[in-house]
Amino acid sequence: MSSPKSIRSPWNQAHSLVEILVVVAALALILSIAGNGLTNSWRSQQIAGSAAAVAQACKMAQAYAIKQNVPVQMRIYKVRAGEVVEPDPHFRAFHLVGVGAKPGGDRYFQITELQQMEGTTVVSSQPQFSTLVASENPLGDSPGGSGGQSFSYLFVEFRPNGSTNLEVQEGRPWTLTFVNDYDGNSPRLPKDARTLVIGAETGTVKVY
């Protein structure tokens, strides 16, 4: 004689549905946390990559200045992000500019193309993190001549003897700190920030 088939009560069926909903909700939460973690990791990599790119630009500027016997500025421009209208744009693009062209020519000449920092990376505008913001200069015409924006920039000038234009200050290094754009004006330093330190006398650069 065969055993009777087990029959699940409506209560058991409802209980199973609740369990499924709980599992689905838990999976959604885990995926959300994992997604945020991946986004933060990606942005941290962009910050590190941008700091490394600017450090490399500084080294290139120094080498060019020594080899060609002309001062070279590494400039970082305060520009808006694409078509986004910002009341106070961040420092987010950089290039190299030579100083003192041939007689009768322009005072400045472009060495490298203007390059955007990676992703949402910008230079912190807070002077306690980026001491170089004190050297910000107004610029009437946009670098490369792109439409209708007014620019300002900060710069380091590397000289033919390997030094820089920066004043030697005891206990106050010259720095650029790289952060995400939403931390650009924040008085608090995020954990994934990267700081570039520039030696005023030697022109050496290190990223921390």
Protein backbone atom coordinates (compact mmCIF):
# COMPACT_ATOMS: atom_id res chain seq x y z
CA MET A 1 0.00 0.00 0.00
CA SER A 2 1.50 3.28 -1.12
CA SER A 3 1.88 6.08 1.37
CA PRO A 4 -0.41 9.04 0.96
CA LYS A 5 1.09 12.07 -0.78
CA SER A 6 2.07 14.83 1.57
CA ILE A 7 -0.06 17.89 1.20
CA ARG A 8 1.35 21.32 2.17
CA SER A 9 -1.02 23.51 4.03
CA PRO A 10 -1.74 27.08 2.82
CA TRP A 11 0.27 28.27 5.87
CA ASN A 12 3.38 26.39 4.69
CA GLN A 13 3.00 27.77 1.15
CA ALA A 14 2.72 31.33 2.49
CA HIS A 15 5.72 30.77 4.74
CA SER A 16 7.80 29.66 1.74
CA LEU A 17 6.84 32.82 -0.17
CA VAL A 18 7.98 34.98 2.74
CA GLU A 19 11.27 33.09 2.84
CA ILE A 20 11.78 33.72 -0.88
CA LEU A 21 11.08 37.43 -0.46
CA VAL A 22 13.56 37.64 2.42
CA VAL A 23 16.25 35.90 0.35
CA VAL A 24 15.62 38.22 -2.62
CA ALA A 25 15.83 41.29 -0.39
CA ALA A 26 19.06 40.04 1.18
CA LEU A 27 20.58 39.42 -2.25
CA ALA A 28 19.58 42.90 -3.40
CA LEU A 29 21.24 44.41 -0.32
CA ILE A 30 24.44 42.42 -0.86
CA LEU A 31 24.58 43.43 -4.54
CA SER A 32 24.02 47.07 -3.59
CA ILE A 33 26.86 47.00 -1.04
CA ALA A 34 29.15 45.22 -3.51
CA GLY A 35 28.28 47.76 -6.22
CA ASN A 36 29.11 50.70 -3.95
CA GLY A 37 32.37 49.04 -2.99
CA LEU A 38 33.34 48.56 -6.65
CA THR A 39 32.45 52.19 -7.45
CA ASN A 40 34.53 53.49 -4.55
CA SER A 41 37.44 51.24 -5.55
CA TRP A 42 37.22 52.46 -9.15
CA ARG A 43 37.22 56.11 -8.05
CA SER A 44 40.19 55.50 -5.75
CA GLN A 45 42.09 54.05 -8.71
CA GLN A 46 41.20 57.12 -10.78
CA ILE A 47 42.54 59.42 -8.05
CA ALA A 48 45.79 57.44 -7.83
CA GLY A 49 46.10 57.42 -11.62
CA SER A 50 45.58 61.18 -11.88
CA ALA A 51 48.15 61.89 -9.18
CA ALA A 52 50.65 59.66 -10.98
CA ALA A 53 49.95 61.40 -14.31
CA VAL A 54 50.56 64.87 -12.85
CA ALA A 55 53.72 63.63 -11.12
CA GLN A 56 54.95 62.30 -14.47
CA ALA A 57 54.11 65.64 -16.11
CA CYS A 58 56.24 67.43 -13.49
CA LYS A 59 59.17 65.10 -14.18
CA MET A 60 58.77 65.67 -17.90
CA ALA A 61 58.67 69.45 -17.36
CA GLN A 62 61.90 69.38 -15.37
CA ALA A 63 63.66 67.19 -17.93
CA TYR A 64 62.52 69.42 -20.80
CA ALA A 65 63.63 72.58 -18.95
CA ILE A 66 67.11 71.16 -18.34
CA LYS A 67 67.57 69.76 -21.85
CA GLN A 68 66.18 72.75 -23.78
CA ASN A 69 67.45 75.40 -21.35
CA VAL A 70 64.04 77.07 -21.02
CA PRO A 71 61.69 77.35 -18.04
CA VAL A 72 58.65 75.06 -18.25
CA GLN A 73 55.39 75.46 -16.36
CA MET A 74 53.18 72.56 -15.35
CA ARG A 75 49.75 74.22 -15.24
CA ILE A 76 46.54 72.89 -13.74
CA TYR A 77 43.39 74.63 -14.94
CA LYS A 78 40.14 75.26 -13.14
CA VAL A 79 37.52 74.18 -15.68
CA ARG A 80 34.01 72.80 -15.59
CA ALA A 81 33.20 69.15 -16.19
CA GLY A 82 31.92 68.88 -19.78
CA GLU A 83 28.58 70.61 -20.16
CA VAL A 84 27.92 70.75 -16.42
CA VAL A 85 27.42 74.32 -15.22
CA GLU A 86 29.39 74.82 -12.00
CA PRO A 87 29.40 78.10 -10.04
CA ASP A 88 32.97 77.39 -8.97
CA PRO A 89 34.70 74.87 -11.29
CA HIS A 90 37.41 72.58 -9.98
CA PHE A 91 41.04 72.17 -11.00
CA ARG A 92 40.73 69.18 -13.32
CA ALA A 93 42.93 69.63 -16.45
CA PHE A 94 46.67 70.08 -16.94
CA HIS A 95 49.42 70.53 -19.52
CA LEU A 96 52.98 71.82 -19.98
CA VAL A 97 53.83 75.30 -21.23
CA GLY A 98 57.26 76.62 -22.17
CA VAL A 99 58.32 80.12 -21.15
CA GLY A 100 60.38 82.52 -23.24
CA ALA A 101 60.02 81.55 -26.87
CA LYS A 102 62.19 82.94 -29.65
CA PRO A 103 62.48 86.77 -29.90
CA GLY A 104 59.36 88.21 -31.48
CA GLY A 105 57.30 85.15 -30.67
CA ASP A 106 54.76 84.50 -27.94
CA ARG A 107 55.95 84.56 -24.36
CA TYR A 108 54.46 81.11 -23.75
CA PHE A 109 54.32 78.08 -26.03
CA GLN A 110 52.43 74.84 -25.55
CA ILE A 111 54.48 71.67 -25.08
CA THR A 112 51.75 69.11 -24.38
CA GLU A 113 48.04 68.96 -25.08
CA LEU A 114 45.56 69.81 -22.36
CA GLN A 115 44.71 66.59 -20.50
CA GLN A 116 41.73 65.93 -18.23
CA MET A 117 42.24 64.07 -14.99
CA GLU A 118 40.71 60.62 -14.78
CA GLY A 119 36.99 60.32 -14.10
CA THR A 120 35.76 62.69 -11.40
CA THR A 121 39.23 63.45 -10.00
CA VAL A 122 40.07 67.08 -9.14
CA VAL A 123 42.63 68.97 -7.09
CA SER A 124 41.38 69.97 -3.65
CA SER A 125 40.83 73.73 -3.42
CA GLN A 126 41.55 73.71 0.31
CA PRO A 127 44.94 75.43 0.97
CA GLN A 128 45.69 73.18 3.95
CA PHE A 129 45.70 70.21 1.53
CA SER A 130 46.87 71.89 -1.69
CA THR A 131 49.26 74.69 -0.78
CA LEU A 132 49.77 75.48 -4.46
CA VAL A 133 46.29 77.01 -4.72
CA ALA A 134 47.96 80.18 -3.44
CA SER A 135 49.55 80.49 -6.90
CA GLU A 136 46.19 80.58 -8.72
CA ASN A 137 46.25 82.99 -11.66
CA PRO A 138 43.44 84.39 -13.82
CA LEU A 139 43.54 83.55 -17.51
CA GLY A 140 41.38 85.46 -19.97
CA ASP A 141 41.56 83.04 -22.87
CA SER A 142 40.87 79.36 -22.56
CA PRO A 143 43.77 76.94 -23.12
CA GLY A 144 43.38 75.53 -26.59
CA GLY A 145 40.67 78.12 -27.24
CA SER A 146 37.49 76.20 -26.31
CA GLY A 147 34.22 78.06 -26.26
CA GLY A 148 33.27 80.73 -23.81
CA GLN A 149 34.78 79.60 -20.55
CA SER A 150 36.96 81.83 -18.43
CA PHE A 151 39.81 79.98 -16.78
CA SER A 152 42.19 80.31 -13.92
CA TYR A 153 45.15 78.08 -13.24
CA LEU A 154 47.86 77.22 -10.75
CA PHE A 155 51.36 76.28 -11.81
CA VAL A 156 54.84 75.10 -10.92
CA GLU A 157 57.70 76.43 -13.03
CA PHE A 158 60.71 74.18 -13.51
CA ARG A 159 63.93 75.98 -14.34
CA PRO A 160 66.97 74.92 -16.43
CA ASN A 161 69.04 74.35 -13.28
CA GLY A 162 66.48 71.81 -12.02
CA SER A 163 64.94 74.04 -9.34
CA THR A 164 61.45 75.56 -9.29
CA ASN A 165 59.88 78.98 -8.85
CA LEU A 166 58.51 77.91 -5.47
CA GLU A 167 59.75 79.64 -2.34
CA VAL A 168 61.50 77.43 0.20
CA GLN A 169 59.44 77.47 3.39
CA GLU A 170 60.53 75.64 6.53
CA GLY A 171 57.93 73.12 7.62
CA ARG A 172 55.49 74.01 4.84
CA PRO A 173 55.83 71.75 1.79
CA TRP A 174 54.28 72.57 -1.57
CA THR A 175 51.48 70.13 -2.23
CA LEU A 176 48.65 69.15 -4.56
CA THR A 177 46.00 66.84 -3.13
CA PHE A 178 43.78 64.82 -5.46
CA VAL A 179 40.22 63.90 -4.49
CA ASN A 180 36.82 63.21 -6.07
CA ASP A 181 34.97 66.30 -7.24
CA TYR A 182 32.39 66.10 -4.44
CA ASP A 183 35.29 66.43 -1.97
CA GLY A 184 36.96 69.25 -3.91
CA ASN A 185 35.84 71.99 -1.53
CA SER A 186 35.57 69.87 1.60
CA PRO A 187 37.58 70.84 4.70
CA ARG A 188 37.94 67.13 5.51
CA LEU A 189 40.46 64.92 3.75
CA PRO A 190 38.96 61.64 2.44
CA LYS A 191 40.80 58.36 3.00
CA ASP A 192 41.41 57.74 -0.71
CA ALA A 193 43.06 61.13 -1.34
CA ARG A 194 46.54 61.24 -2.87
CA THR A 195 49.00 64.08 -2.17
CA LEU A 196 51.78 65.17 -4.49
CA VAL A 197 54.71 66.87 -2.71
CA ILE A 198 57.06 69.08 -4.74
CA GLY A 199 60.60 69.95 -3.63
CA ALA A 200 61.08 73.68 -4.17
CA GLU A 201 64.88 73.53 -4.55
CA THR A 202 65.33 70.18 -6.25
CA GLY A 203 62.09 69.90 -8.25
CA THR A 204 61.59 66.34 -7.04
CA VAL A 205 58.01 65.03 -6.82
CA LYS A 206 56.57 62.26 -4.65
CA VAL A 207 53.04 60.93 -4.31
CA TYR A 208 51.70 59.85 -0.92
